[in-house]
Amino acid sequence: MEENIRPCAHCGRPVQQRASAGRPFRYCRDNDGECQRASRNVRMRHRASPGLAGEVARTWEAVDRLDQLVGTLTEALHAEMSPAGVERQIAEVRAETSRQVAAAHTDRDEARREADQATSAATVAHQRAEAAEADRDEARRLTALADAAAAEARSEADRAATEALQARAEADHATSQAGLARSEAAAAAEQIRRLQTDLDESRHAHAAAQREAAAAHAAAETAASKAETAVARAEAARTEADAARADLDESRRALETARADLAELRAAANAELTDLRQAAAAALAEARQGDYPVY
C-alpha cells in the first residue's frame, strides 16, 4: 500500500496516489489546492531574487512546468492511446465496416431477387434477364470492394495500435528525462549550500583577522606611550608590533586565498547551473517532440 503514497512537494505530508497509470499527485488533495498555491508563491518570490537563489528558483519553475507537460502528455496518451482507447477506435472501424458489409449484402440480396425475377420471366423477356445478370455481377463487384475496405480498416487499426505503443514509450522516456533534471537541480541546490557555508567561513576568518589587527594596533600604541620612560620595554613592544603585523599579513593572505576559492566555487556553480539549464531545455524539447497527433 505504501507504493501508492508519496510525500507532498510542499508540506511533506503523505499523499495517496491512484492505483492505475497516469500523472502522480504532487500536492495535498484535501485542502483545495492550498499546498500547490503556496509552493508556487514561494517560487515566484524567489524567482526575482538576484544571484544563484533566483537562478535555482527559475530552474525549479522550469522543471515543474516540464513535469506538468509530461503529466498532461501522459494523461492524453492514457485517455486516447491506451488499450481501451485503441479498442474503442477498432470497435468504431469494425462498426463502420459492418455497416458497409451489411449495405453490400443488401445490394447483393436485392440483385439476387431481381435475378430470380428475371429468371422466372426469361421466357417472356430475355433482355430483362440479361439486365438482371449484369446487376448481379455489379453486386459481386461491390461485395469484393467492401471486403477490401474491411481488410484496409483492420490494417489501419493495427497501425494505430503500434503508434500507441511507440507514443507510450516516448512518454516514459520524457518522464525519465524529467526525473534526471530534478536530480540535477537537487545537486545544484546542494552545491549552492556548500558554497554558502564556505562563504560564511571566509567571512568569519576576515572578522577574526580584523579583530587581531585592532588588537595589534592597540598594543602598538601602548608600547609607544611606554617607550618614553623605558627604552627596553619600547623595543619589546616594537617586537610585538612586528609580530602582530606579520600575523595581520598572514591573515590578509589567508583572506585573499579564501576569496580566490570562493571565486572558483562560484564559477563551478555557474557551470553546473548552465549544464542544468541545457538538460532541462533538452528534456522539454524531447517532451514536445513526443506530442504526436492522434488519428
C-alpha atoms as a PDB file:
ATOM      1  CA  MET A   1       0.000   0.000   0.000  1.00  0.00           C
ATOM      2  CA  GLU A   2       2.963   2.323   0.646  1.00  0.00           C
ATOM      3  CA  GLU A   3       3.927   2.122  -3.025  1.00  0.00           C
ATOM      4  CA  ASN A   4       0.841   4.296  -3.812  1.00  0.00           C
ATOM      5  CA  ILE A   5       1.877   7.047  -1.349  1.00  0.00           C
ATOM      6  CA  ARG A   6       4.364   9.845  -1.967  1.00  0.00           C
ATOM      7  CA  PRO A   7       5.107  12.985   0.126  1.00  0.00           C
ATOM      8  CA  CYS A   8       3.616  16.374  -0.724  1.00  0.00           C
ATOM      9  CA  ALA A   9       6.118  18.575  -2.606  1.00  0.00           C
ATOM     10  CA  HIS A  10       5.300  21.495  -0.261  1.00  0.00           C
ATOM     11  CA  CYS A  11       4.412  20.306   3.254  1.00  0.00           C
ATOM     12  CA  GLY A  12       5.771  16.732   3.083  1.00  0.00           C
ATOM     13  CA  ARG A  13       2.565  15.021   4.239  1.00  0.00           C
ATOM     14  CA  PRO A  14       1.799  11.634   2.587  1.00  0.00           C
ATOM     15  CA  VAL A  15      -0.439  11.883  -0.491  1.00  0.00           C
ATOM     16  CA  GLN A  16      -2.432   8.856  -1.662  1.00  0.00           C
ATOM     17  CA  GLN A  17      -1.782   8.060  -5.348  1.00  0.00           C
ATOM     18  CA  ARG A  18      -4.064   6.394  -7.843  1.00  0.00           C
ATOM     19  CA  ALA A  19      -3.510   2.688  -8.477  1.00  0.00           C
ATOM     20  CA  SER A  20      -3.750   2.985 -12.266  1.00  0.00           C
ATOM     21  CA  ALA A  21      -1.253   4.614 -14.607  1.00  0.00           C
ATOM     22  CA  GLY A  22      -1.244   8.385 -15.025  1.00  0.00           C
ATOM     23  CA  ARG A  23       0.271  11.560 -13.627  1.00  0.00           C
ATOM     24  CA  PRO A  24       1.083  11.293  -9.874  1.00  0.00           C
ATOM     25  CA  PHE A  25      -0.371  13.739  -7.355  1.00  0.00           C
ATOM     26  CA  ARG A  26       2.456  16.048  -6.149  1.00  0.00           C
ATOM     27  CA  TYR A  27       0.497  18.109  -3.605  1.00  0.00           C
ATOM     28  CA  CYS A  28      -2.115  17.502  -0.908  1.00  0.00           C
ATOM     29  CA  ARG A  29      -5.600  16.882  -2.307  1.00  0.00           C
ATOM     30  CA  ASP A  30      -7.656  17.613   0.814  1.00  0.00           C
ATOM     31  CA  ASN A  31      -7.014  21.377   1.187  1.00  0.00           C
ATOM     32  CA  ASP A  32      -8.443  22.809  -2.069  1.00  0.00           C
ATOM     33  CA  GLY A  33      -5.012  23.214  -3.704  1.00  0.00           C
ATOM     34  CA  GLU A  34      -3.543  25.271  -0.819  1.00  0.00           C
ATOM     35  CA  CYS A  35      -0.153  23.465  -0.922  1.00  0.00           C
ATOM     36  CA  GLN A  36       0.156  23.899  -4.694  1.00  0.00           C
ATOM     37  CA  ARG A  37      -0.604  27.634  -4.467  1.00  0.00           C
ATOM     38  CA  ALA A  38       1.799  28.091  -1.541  1.00  0.00           C
ATOM     39  CA  SER A  39       4.596  26.288  -3.413  1.00  0.00           C
ATOM     40  CA  ARG A  40       4.033  28.444  -6.485  1.00  0.00           C
ATOM     41  CA  ASN A  41       4.036  31.639  -4.371  1.00  0.00           C
ATOM     42  CA  VAL A  42       7.363  30.630  -2.811  1.00  0.00           C
ATOM     43  CA  ARG A  43       8.857  30.054  -6.252  1.00  0.00           C
ATOM     44  CA  MET A  44       7.516  33.390  -7.515  1.00  0.00           C
ATOM     45  CA  ARG A  45       9.090  35.220  -4.531  1.00  0.00           C
ATOM     46  CA  HIS A  46      12.482  33.585  -5.063  1.00  0.00           C
ATOM     47  CA  ARG A  47      12.266  33.919  -8.849  1.00  0.00           C
ATOM     48  CA  ALA A  48      13.074  37.648  -8.722  1.00  0.00           C
ATOM     49  CA  SER A  49      15.920  37.154  -6.226  1.00  0.00           C
ATOM     50  CA  PRO A  50      19.380  38.134  -7.528  1.00  0.00           C
ATOM     51  CA  GLY A  51      22.231  35.688  -7.882  1.00  0.00           C
ATOM     52  CA  LEU A  52      22.156  31.937  -7.508  1.00  0.00           C
ATOM     53  CA  ALA A  53      18.954  31.827  -5.433  1.00  0.00           C
ATOM     54  CA  GLY A  54      16.951  33.369  -8.283  1.00  0.00           C
ATOM     55  CA  GLU A  55      18.586  31.089 -10.836  1.00  0.00           C
ATOM     56  CA  VAL A  56      17.698  27.999  -8.782  1.00  0.00           C
ATOM     57  CA  ALA A  57      14.089  29.222  -8.307  1.00  0.00           C
ATOM     58  CA  ARG A  58      13.684  29.780 -12.041  1.00  0.00           C
ATOM     59  CA  THR A  59      15.238  26.375 -12.751  1.00  0.00           C
ATOM     60  CA  TRP A  60      12.773  24.688 -10.367  1.00  0.00           C
ATOM     61  CA  GLU A  61       9.919  26.534 -12.067  1.00  0.00           C
ATOM     62  CA  ALA A  62      11.084  25.213 -15.469  1.00  0.00           C
ATOM     63  CA  VAL A  63      11.339  21.690 -14.042  1.00  0.00           C
ATOM     64  CA  ASP A  64       7.820  21.987 -12.575  1.00  0.00           C
ATOM     65  CA  ARG A  65       6.447  23.164 -15.941  1.00  0.00           C
ATOM     66  CA  LEU A  66       8.198  20.289 -17.653  1.00  0.00           C
ATOM     67  CA  ASP A  67       6.703  17.885 -15.115  1.00  0.00           C
ATOM     68  CA  GLN A  68       3.225  19.358 -15.773  1.00  0.00           C
ATOM     69  CA  LEU A  69       3.777  18.998 -19.532  1.00  0.00           C
ATOM     70  CA  VAL A  70       4.834  15.379 -19.114  1.00  0.00           C
ATOM     71  CA  GLY A  71       1.812  14.741 -16.878  1.00  0.00           C
ATOM     72  CA  THR A  72      -0.566  16.308 -19.416  1.00  0.00           C
ATOM     73  CA  LEU A  73       1.003  14.269 -22.214  1.00  0.00           C
ATOM     74  CA  THR A  74       0.768  11.094 -20.134  1.00  0.00           C
ATOM     75  CA  GLU A  75      -2.914  11.683 -19.339  1.00  0.00           C
ATOM     76  CA  ALA A  76      -3.680  12.437 -23.007  1.00  0.00           C
ATOM     77  CA  LEU A  77      -1.903   9.294 -24.140  1.00  0.00           C
ATOM     78  CA  HIS A  78      -3.596   7.274 -21.421  1.00  0.00           C
ATOM     79  CA  ALA A  79      -7.039   8.603 -22.469  1.00  0.00           C
ATOM     80  CA  GLU A  80      -6.630   8.386 -26.245  1.00  0.00           C
ATOM     81  CA  MET A  81      -3.890   5.822 -26.918  1.00  0.00           C
ATOM     82  CA  SER A  82      -4.416   3.392 -24.063  1.00  0.00           C
ATOM     83  CA  PRO A  83      -5.605  -0.170 -24.819  1.00  0.00           C
ATOM     84  CA  ALA A  84      -9.162   0.945 -24.056  1.00  0.00           C
ATOM     85  CA  GLY A  85      -8.848   3.862 -26.491  1.00  0.00           C
ATOM     86  CA  VAL A  86      -7.354   1.666 -29.181  1.00  0.00           C
ATOM     87  CA  GLU A  87     -10.098  -0.911 -28.629  1.00  0.00           C
ATOM     88  CA  ARG A  88     -12.678   1.858 -28.954  1.00  0.00           C
ATOM     89  CA  GLN A  89     -11.173   3.003 -32.272  1.00  0.00           C
ATOM     90  CA  ILE A  90     -11.032  -0.593 -33.522  1.00  0.00           C
ATOM     91  CA  ALA A  91     -14.678  -1.045 -32.487  1.00  0.00           C
ATOM     92  CA  GLU A  92     -15.655   2.083 -34.432  1.00  0.00           C
ATOM     93  CA  VAL A  93     -13.791   0.849 -37.521  1.00  0.00           C
ATOM     94  CA  ARG A  94     -15.414  -2.577 -37.190  1.00  0.00           C
ATOM     95  CA  ALA A  95     -18.844  -0.999 -36.822  1.00  0.00           C
ATOM     96  CA  GLU A  96     -18.314   1.114 -39.934  1.00  0.00           C
ATOM     97  CA  THR A  97     -17.057  -1.952 -41.796  1.00  0.00           C
ATOM     98  CA  SER A  98     -20.081  -3.952 -40.639  1.00  0.00           C
ATOM     99  CA  ARG A  99     -22.388  -1.227 -41.913  1.00  0.00           C
ATOM    100  CA  GLN A 100     -20.657  -1.243 -45.287  1.00  0.00           C
ATOM    101  CA  VAL A 101     -20.762  -5.044 -45.469  1.00  0.00           C
ATOM    102  CA  ALA A 102     -24.465  -5.022 -44.498  1.00  0.00           C
ATOM    103  CA  ALA A 103     -25.178  -2.476 -47.219  1.00  0.00           C
ATOM    104  CA  ALA A 104     -23.273  -4.605 -49.723  1.00  0.00           C
ATOM    105  CA  HIS A 105     -25.199  -7.698 -48.623  1.00  0.00           C
ATOM    106  CA  THR A 106     -28.443  -5.772 -49.021  1.00  0.00           C
ATOM    107  CA  ASP A 107     -27.457  -4.757 -52.527  1.00  0.00           C
ATOM    108  CA  ARG A 108     -26.407  -8.303 -53.286  1.00  0.00           C
ATOM    109  CA  ASP A 109     -29.693  -9.730 -51.973  1.00  0.00           C
ATOM    110  CA  GLU A 110     -31.622  -7.160 -53.982  1.00  0.00           C
ATOM    111  CA  ALA A 111     -29.660  -8.113 -57.050  1.00  0.00           C
ATOM    112  CA  ARG A 112     -30.326 -11.770 -56.398  1.00  0.00           C
ATOM    113  CA  ARG A 113     -34.050 -11.126 -56.037  1.00  0.00           C
ATOM    114  CA  GLU A 114     -34.008  -9.189 -59.273  1.00  0.00           C
ATOM    115  CA  ALA A 115     -32.069 -12.026 -60.897  1.00  0.00           C
ATOM    116  CA  ASP A 116     -34.648 -14.572 -59.680  1.00  0.00           C
ATOM    117  CA  GLN A 117     -37.477 -12.442 -61.017  1.00  0.00           C
ATOM    118  CA  ALA A 118     -35.643 -12.041 -64.304  1.00  0.00           C
ATOM    119  CA  THR A 119     -35.049 -15.808 -64.497  1.00  0.00           C
ATOM    120  CA  SER A 120     -38.738 -16.566 -63.926  1.00  0.00           C
ATOM    121  CA  ALA A 121     -39.613 -14.087 -66.651  1.00  0.00           C
ATOM    122  CA  ALA A 122     -36.790 -15.130 -69.011  1.00  0.00           C
ATOM    123  CA  THR A 123     -39.206 -16.869 -71.368  1.00  0.00           C
ATOM    124  CA  VAL A 124     -41.108 -13.627 -71.762  1.00  0.00           C
ATOM    125  CA  ALA A 125     -38.266 -11.038 -71.759  1.00  0.00           C
ATOM    126  CA  HIS A 126     -34.723 -12.296 -72.394  1.00  0.00           C
ATOM    127  CA  GLN A 127     -33.338  -8.776 -72.276  1.00  0.00           C
ATOM    128  CA  ARG A 128     -34.660  -8.291 -68.737  1.00  0.00           C
ATOM    129  CA  ALA A 129     -32.813 -11.489 -67.694  1.00  0.00           C
ATOM    130  CA  GLU A 130     -29.556 -10.196 -69.150  1.00  0.00           C
ATOM    131  CA  ALA A 131     -30.029  -6.912 -67.264  1.00  0.00           C
ATOM    132  CA  ALA A 132     -30.603  -8.815 -64.033  1.00  0.00           C
ATOM    133  CA  GLU A 133     -27.424 -10.813 -64.623  1.00  0.00           C
ATOM    134  CA  ALA A 134     -25.497  -7.553 -65.112  1.00  0.00           C
ATOM    135  CA  ASP A 135     -26.913  -6.259 -61.817  1.00  0.00           C
ATOM    136  CA  ARG A 136     -25.794  -9.452 -60.105  1.00  0.00           C
ATOM    137  CA  ASP A 137     -22.233  -9.019 -61.391  1.00  0.00           C
ATOM    138  CA  GLU A 138     -22.247  -5.445 -60.137  1.00  0.00           C
ATOM    139  CA  ALA A 139     -23.364  -6.641 -56.702  1.00  0.00           C
ATOM    140  CA  ARG A 140     -20.483  -9.130 -56.621  1.00  0.00           C
ATOM    141  CA  ARG A 141     -18.072  -6.367 -57.513  1.00  0.00           C
ATOM    142  CA  LEU A 142     -19.446  -4.211 -54.669  1.00  0.00           C
ATOM    143  CA  THR A 143     -19.058  -7.138 -52.276  1.00  0.00           C
ATOM    144  CA  ALA A 144     -15.419  -7.529 -53.277  1.00  0.00           C
ATOM    145  CA  LEU A 145     -14.854  -3.795 -52.731  1.00  0.00           C
ATOM    146  CA  ALA A 146     -16.468  -3.996 -49.283  1.00  0.00           C
ATOM    147  CA  ASP A 147     -14.199  -6.911 -48.319  1.00  0.00           C
ATOM    148  CA  ALA A 148     -11.162  -4.936 -49.462  1.00  0.00           C
ATOM    149  CA  ALA A 149     -12.325  -1.922 -47.417  1.00  0.00           C
ATOM    150  CA  ALA A 150     -12.719  -4.132 -44.335  1.00  0.00           C
ATOM    151  CA  ALA A 151      -9.182  -5.503 -44.764  1.00  0.00           C
ATOM    152  CA  GLU A 152      -7.805  -1.970 -45.093  1.00  0.00           C
ATOM    153  CA  ALA A 153      -9.675  -0.896 -41.942  1.00  0.00           C
ATOM    154  CA  ARG A 154      -8.137  -3.777 -39.983  1.00  0.00           C
ATOM    155  CA  SER A 155      -4.690  -2.760 -41.234  1.00  0.00           C
ATOM    156  CA  GLU A 156      -5.296   0.840 -40.107  1.00  0.00           C
ATOM    157  CA  ALA A 157      -6.320  -0.399 -36.657  1.00  0.00           C
ATOM    158  CA  ASP A 158      -3.095  -2.421 -36.356  1.00  0.00           C
ATOM    159  CA  ARG A 159      -1.027   0.617 -37.321  1.00  0.00           C
ATOM    160  CA  ALA A 160      -2.866   2.732 -34.750  1.00  0.00           C
ATOM    161  CA  ALA A 161      -2.067   0.199 -32.007  1.00  0.00           C
ATOM    162  CA  THR A 162       1.634   0.220 -32.997  1.00  0.00           C
ATOM    163  CA  GLU A 163       1.755   4.018 -32.907  1.00  0.00           C
ATOM    164  CA  ALA A 164       0.099   3.991 -29.480  1.00  0.00           C
ATOM    165  CA  LEU A 165       2.820   1.714 -28.086  1.00  0.00           C
ATOM    166  CA  GLN A 166       5.540   3.907 -29.575  1.00  0.00           C
ATOM    167  CA  ALA A 167       3.955   7.066 -28.123  1.00  0.00           C
ATOM    168  CA  ARG A 168       3.790   5.453 -24.691  1.00  0.00           C
ATOM    169  CA  ALA A 169       7.489   4.539 -24.873  1.00  0.00           C
ATOM    170  CA  GLU A 170       8.358   8.121 -25.797  1.00  0.00           C
ATOM    171  CA  ALA A 171       6.262   9.424 -22.885  1.00  0.00           C
ATOM    172  CA  ASP A 172       8.164   7.103 -20.492  1.00  0.00           C
ATOM    173  CA  HIS A 173      11.445   8.441 -21.876  1.00  0.00           C
ATOM    174  CA  ALA A 174      10.285  12.022 -21.336  1.00  0.00           C
ATOM    175  CA  THR A 175       9.338  11.153 -17.738  1.00  0.00           C
ATOM    176  CA  SER A 176      12.806   9.706 -17.076  1.00  0.00           C
ATOM    177  CA  GLN A 177      14.411  12.843 -18.532  1.00  0.00           C
ATOM    178  CA  ALA A 178      12.294  14.998 -16.219  1.00  0.00           C
ATOM    179  CA  GLY A 179      13.444  12.909 -13.232  1.00  0.00           C
ATOM    180  CA  LEU A 180      17.062  13.395 -14.286  1.00  0.00           C
ATOM    181  CA  ALA A 181      16.511  17.155 -14.496  1.00  0.00           C
ATOM    182  CA  ARG A 182      15.043  17.175 -10.967  1.00  0.00           C
ATOM    183  CA  SER A 183      18.079  15.228  -9.677  1.00  0.00           C
ATOM    184  CA  GLU A 184      20.464  17.694 -11.284  1.00  0.00           C
ATOM    185  CA  ALA A 185      18.528  20.593  -9.750  1.00  0.00           C
ATOM    186  CA  ALA A 186      18.837  18.992  -6.299  1.00  0.00           C
ATOM    187  CA  ALA A 187      22.602  18.543  -6.838  1.00  0.00           C
ATOM    188  CA  ALA A 188      22.881  22.229  -7.798  1.00  0.00           C
ATOM    189  CA  ALA A 189      20.994  23.229  -4.623  1.00  0.00           C
ATOM    190  CA  GLU A 190      23.404  21.143  -2.522  1.00  0.00           C
ATOM    191  CA  GLN A 191      26.384  22.773  -4.265  1.00  0.00           C
ATOM    192  CA  ILE A 192      24.936  26.220  -3.505  1.00  0.00           C
ATOM    193  CA  ARG A 193      24.544  25.248   0.174  1.00  0.00           C
ATOM    194  CA  ARG A 194      28.184  24.169   0.373  1.00  0.00           C
ATOM    195  CA  LEU A 195      29.211  27.394  -1.376  1.00  0.00           C
ATOM    196  CA  GLN A 196      27.274  29.450   1.201  1.00  0.00           C
ATOM    197  CA  THR A 197      28.990  27.528   4.026  1.00  0.00           C
ATOM    198  CA  ASP A 198      32.434  28.289   2.576  1.00  0.00           C
ATOM    199  CA  LEU A 199      31.462  31.937   2.193  1.00  0.00           C
ATOM    200  CA  ASP A 200      30.389  32.129   5.865  1.00  0.00           C
ATOM    201  CA  GLU A 201      33.694  30.567   6.940  1.00  0.00           C
ATOM    202  CA  SER A 202      35.609  33.128   4.857  1.00  0.00           C
ATOM    203  CA  ARG A 203      33.629  35.952   6.484  1.00  0.00           C
ATOM    204  CA  HIS A 204      34.423  34.596   9.969  1.00  0.00           C
ATOM    205  CA  ALA A 205      38.118  34.407   9.057  1.00  0.00           C
ATOM    206  CA  HIS A 206      38.033  38.004   7.800  1.00  0.00           C
ATOM    207  CA  ALA A 207      36.338  39.204  11.011  1.00  0.00           C
ATOM    208  CA  ALA A 208      38.939  37.355  13.112  1.00  0.00           C
ATOM    209  CA  ALA A 209      41.736  38.994  11.115  1.00  0.00           C
ATOM    210  CA  GLN A 210      40.209  42.436  11.696  1.00  0.00           C
ATOM    211  CA  ARG A 211      39.955  41.769  15.422  1.00  0.00           C
ATOM    212  CA  GLU A 212      43.595  40.645  15.529  1.00  0.00           C
ATOM    213  CA  ALA A 213      44.648  43.763  13.591  1.00  0.00           C
ATOM    214  CA  ALA A 214      42.770  46.006  16.026  1.00  0.00           C
ATOM    215  CA  ALA A 215      44.399  44.246  18.977  1.00  0.00           C
ATOM    216  CA  ALA A 216      47.847  44.635  17.385  1.00  0.00           C
ATOM    217  CA  HIS A 217      47.240  48.341  16.772  1.00  0.00           C
ATOM    218  CA  ALA A 218      46.211  48.880  20.398  1.00  0.00           C
ATOM    219  CA  ALA A 219      49.292  47.012  21.585  1.00  0.00           C
ATOM    220  CA  ALA A 220      51.496  49.192  19.356  1.00  0.00           C
ATOM    221  CA  GLU A 221      50.012  52.399  20.783  1.00  0.00           C
ATOM    222  CA  THR A 222      50.519  51.152  24.336  1.00  0.00           C
ATOM    223  CA  ALA A 223      54.115  50.291  23.564  1.00  0.00           C
ATOM    224  CA  ALA A 224      54.721  53.752  22.046  1.00  0.00           C
ATOM    225  CA  SER A 225      53.392  55.518  25.178  1.00  0.00           C
ATOM    226  CA  LYS A 226      55.610  53.422  27.425  1.00  0.00           C
ATOM    227  CA  ALA A 227      58.697  53.962  25.211  1.00  0.00           C
ATOM    228  CA  GLU A 228      59.236  57.447  26.716  1.00  0.00           C
ATOM    229  CA  THR A 229      60.013  56.005  30.157  1.00  0.00           C
ATOM    230  CA  ALA A 230      61.516  52.613  29.281  1.00  0.00           C
ATOM    231  CA  VAL A 231      63.573  52.044  26.100  1.00  0.00           C
ATOM    232  CA  ALA A 232      63.867  48.363  26.710  1.00  0.00           C
ATOM    233  CA  ARG A 233      60.123  47.966  27.059  1.00  0.00           C
ATOM    234  CA  ALA A 234      59.663  50.008  23.862  1.00  0.00           C
ATOM    235  CA  GLU A 235      61.920  47.609  21.986  1.00  0.00           C
ATOM    236  CA  ALA A 236      59.888  44.691  23.280  1.00  0.00           C
ATOM    237  CA  ALA A 237      56.667  46.444  22.232  1.00  0.00           C
ATOM    238  CA  ARG A 238      58.182  47.093  18.807  1.00  0.00           C
ATOM    239  CA  THR A 239      58.976  43.418  18.502  1.00  0.00           C
ATOM    240  CA  GLU A 240      55.414  42.531  19.479  1.00  0.00           C
ATOM    241  CA  ALA A 241      54.041  45.050  16.935  1.00  0.00           C
ATOM    242  CA  ASP A 242      56.178  43.490  14.175  1.00  0.00           C
ATOM    243  CA  ALA A 243      54.858  40.050  15.089  1.00  0.00           C
ATOM    244  CA  ALA A 244      51.292  41.416  15.052  1.00  0.00           C
ATOM    245  CA  ARG A 245      51.873  42.941  11.617  1.00  0.00           C
ATOM    246  CA  ALA A 246      53.214  39.621  10.392  1.00  0.00           C
ATOM    247  CA  ASP A 247      50.082  37.915  11.711  1.00  0.00           C
ATOM    248  CA  LEU A 248      47.966  40.582  10.022  1.00  0.00           C
ATOM    249  CA  ASP A 249      49.755  39.982   6.716  1.00  0.00           C
ATOM    250  CA  GLU A 250      49.244  36.276   7.128  1.00  0.00           C
ATOM    251  CA  SER A 251      45.544  36.851   7.822  1.00  0.00           C
ATOM    252  CA  ARG A 252      45.253  39.058   4.752  1.00  0.00           C
ATOM    253  CA  ARG A 253      46.922  36.392   2.625  1.00  0.00           C
ATOM    254  CA  ALA A 254      44.502  33.792   4.047  1.00  0.00           C
ATOM    255  CA  LEU A 255      41.607  36.137   3.251  1.00  0.00           C
ATOM    256  CA  GLU A 256      42.822  36.552  -0.357  1.00  0.00           C
ATOM    257  CA  THR A 257      43.151  32.770  -0.660  1.00  0.00           C
ATOM    258  CA  ALA A 258      39.595  32.329   0.655  1.00  0.00           C
ATOM    259  CA  ARG A 259      38.317  34.918  -1.847  1.00  0.00           C
ATOM    260  CA  ALA A 260      40.069  33.055  -4.696  1.00  0.00           C
ATOM    261  CA  ASP A 261      38.494  29.774  -3.542  1.00  0.00           C
ATOM    262  CA  LEU A 262      35.097  31.476  -3.372  1.00  0.00           C
ATOM    263  CA  ALA A 263      35.516  32.760  -6.953  1.00  0.00           C
ATOM    264  CA  GLU A 264      36.359  29.230  -8.135  1.00  0.00           C
ATOM    265  CA  LEU A 265      33.319  27.823  -6.327  1.00  0.00           C
ATOM    266  CA  ARG A 266      31.091  30.467  -7.944  1.00  0.00           C
ATOM    267  CA  ALA A 267      32.493  29.627 -11.380  1.00  0.00           C
ATOM    268  CA  ALA A 268      31.873  25.904 -10.784  1.00  0.00           C
ATOM    269  CA  ALA A 269      28.320  26.614  -9.583  1.00  0.00           C
ATOM    270  CA  ASN A 270      27.624  28.761 -12.663  1.00  0.00           C
ATOM    271  CA  ALA A 271      28.953  25.988 -14.925  1.00  0.00           C
ATOM    272  CA  GLU A 272      26.757  23.371 -13.241  1.00  0.00           C
ATOM    273  CA  LEU A 273      23.795  25.753 -13.477  1.00  0.00           C
ATOM    274  CA  THR A 274      24.424  26.147 -17.230  1.00  0.00           C
ATOM    275  CA  ASP A 275      24.531  22.344 -17.640  1.00  0.00           C
ATOM    276  CA  LEU A 276      21.274  22.073 -15.696  1.00  0.00           C
ATOM    277  CA  ARG A 277      19.560  24.616 -17.973  1.00  0.00           C
ATOM    278  CA  GLN A 278      20.755  22.771 -21.071  1.00  0.00           C
ATOM    279  CA  ALA A 279      19.495  19.441 -19.653  1.00  0.00           C
ATOM    280  CA  ALA A 280      16.092  20.959 -18.800  1.00  0.00           C
ATOM    281  CA  ALA A 281      15.827  22.516 -22.280  1.00  0.00           C
ATOM    282  CA  ALA A 282      16.737  19.192 -23.920  1.00  0.00           C
ATOM    283  CA  ALA A 283      14.153  17.331 -21.828  1.00  0.00           C
ATOM    284  CA  LEU A 284      11.499  19.915 -22.743  1.00  0.00           C
ATOM    285  CA  ALA A 285      12.366  19.615 -26.446  1.00  0.00           C
ATOM    286  CA  GLU A 286      12.130  15.832 -26.278  1.00  0.00           C
ATOM    287  CA  ALA A 287       8.775  16.048 -24.486  1.00  0.00           C
ATOM    288  CA  ARG A 288       7.453  18.402 -27.167  1.00  0.00           C
ATOM    289  CA  GLN A 289       8.726  16.142 -29.947  1.00  0.00           C
ATOM    290  CA  GLY A 290       6.806  13.255 -28.343  1.00  0.00           C
ATOM    291  CA  ASP A 291       3.431  15.101 -28.703  1.00  0.00           C
ATOM    292  CA  TYR A 292       2.144  13.237 -31.770  1.00  0.00           C
ATOM    293  CA  PRO A 293      -1.364  13.786 -33.209  1.00  0.00           C
ATOM    294  CA  VAL A 294      -3.957  11.066 -32.567  1.00  0.00           C
ATOM    295  CA  TYR A 295      -5.596   9.501 -35.646  1.00  0.00           C
END
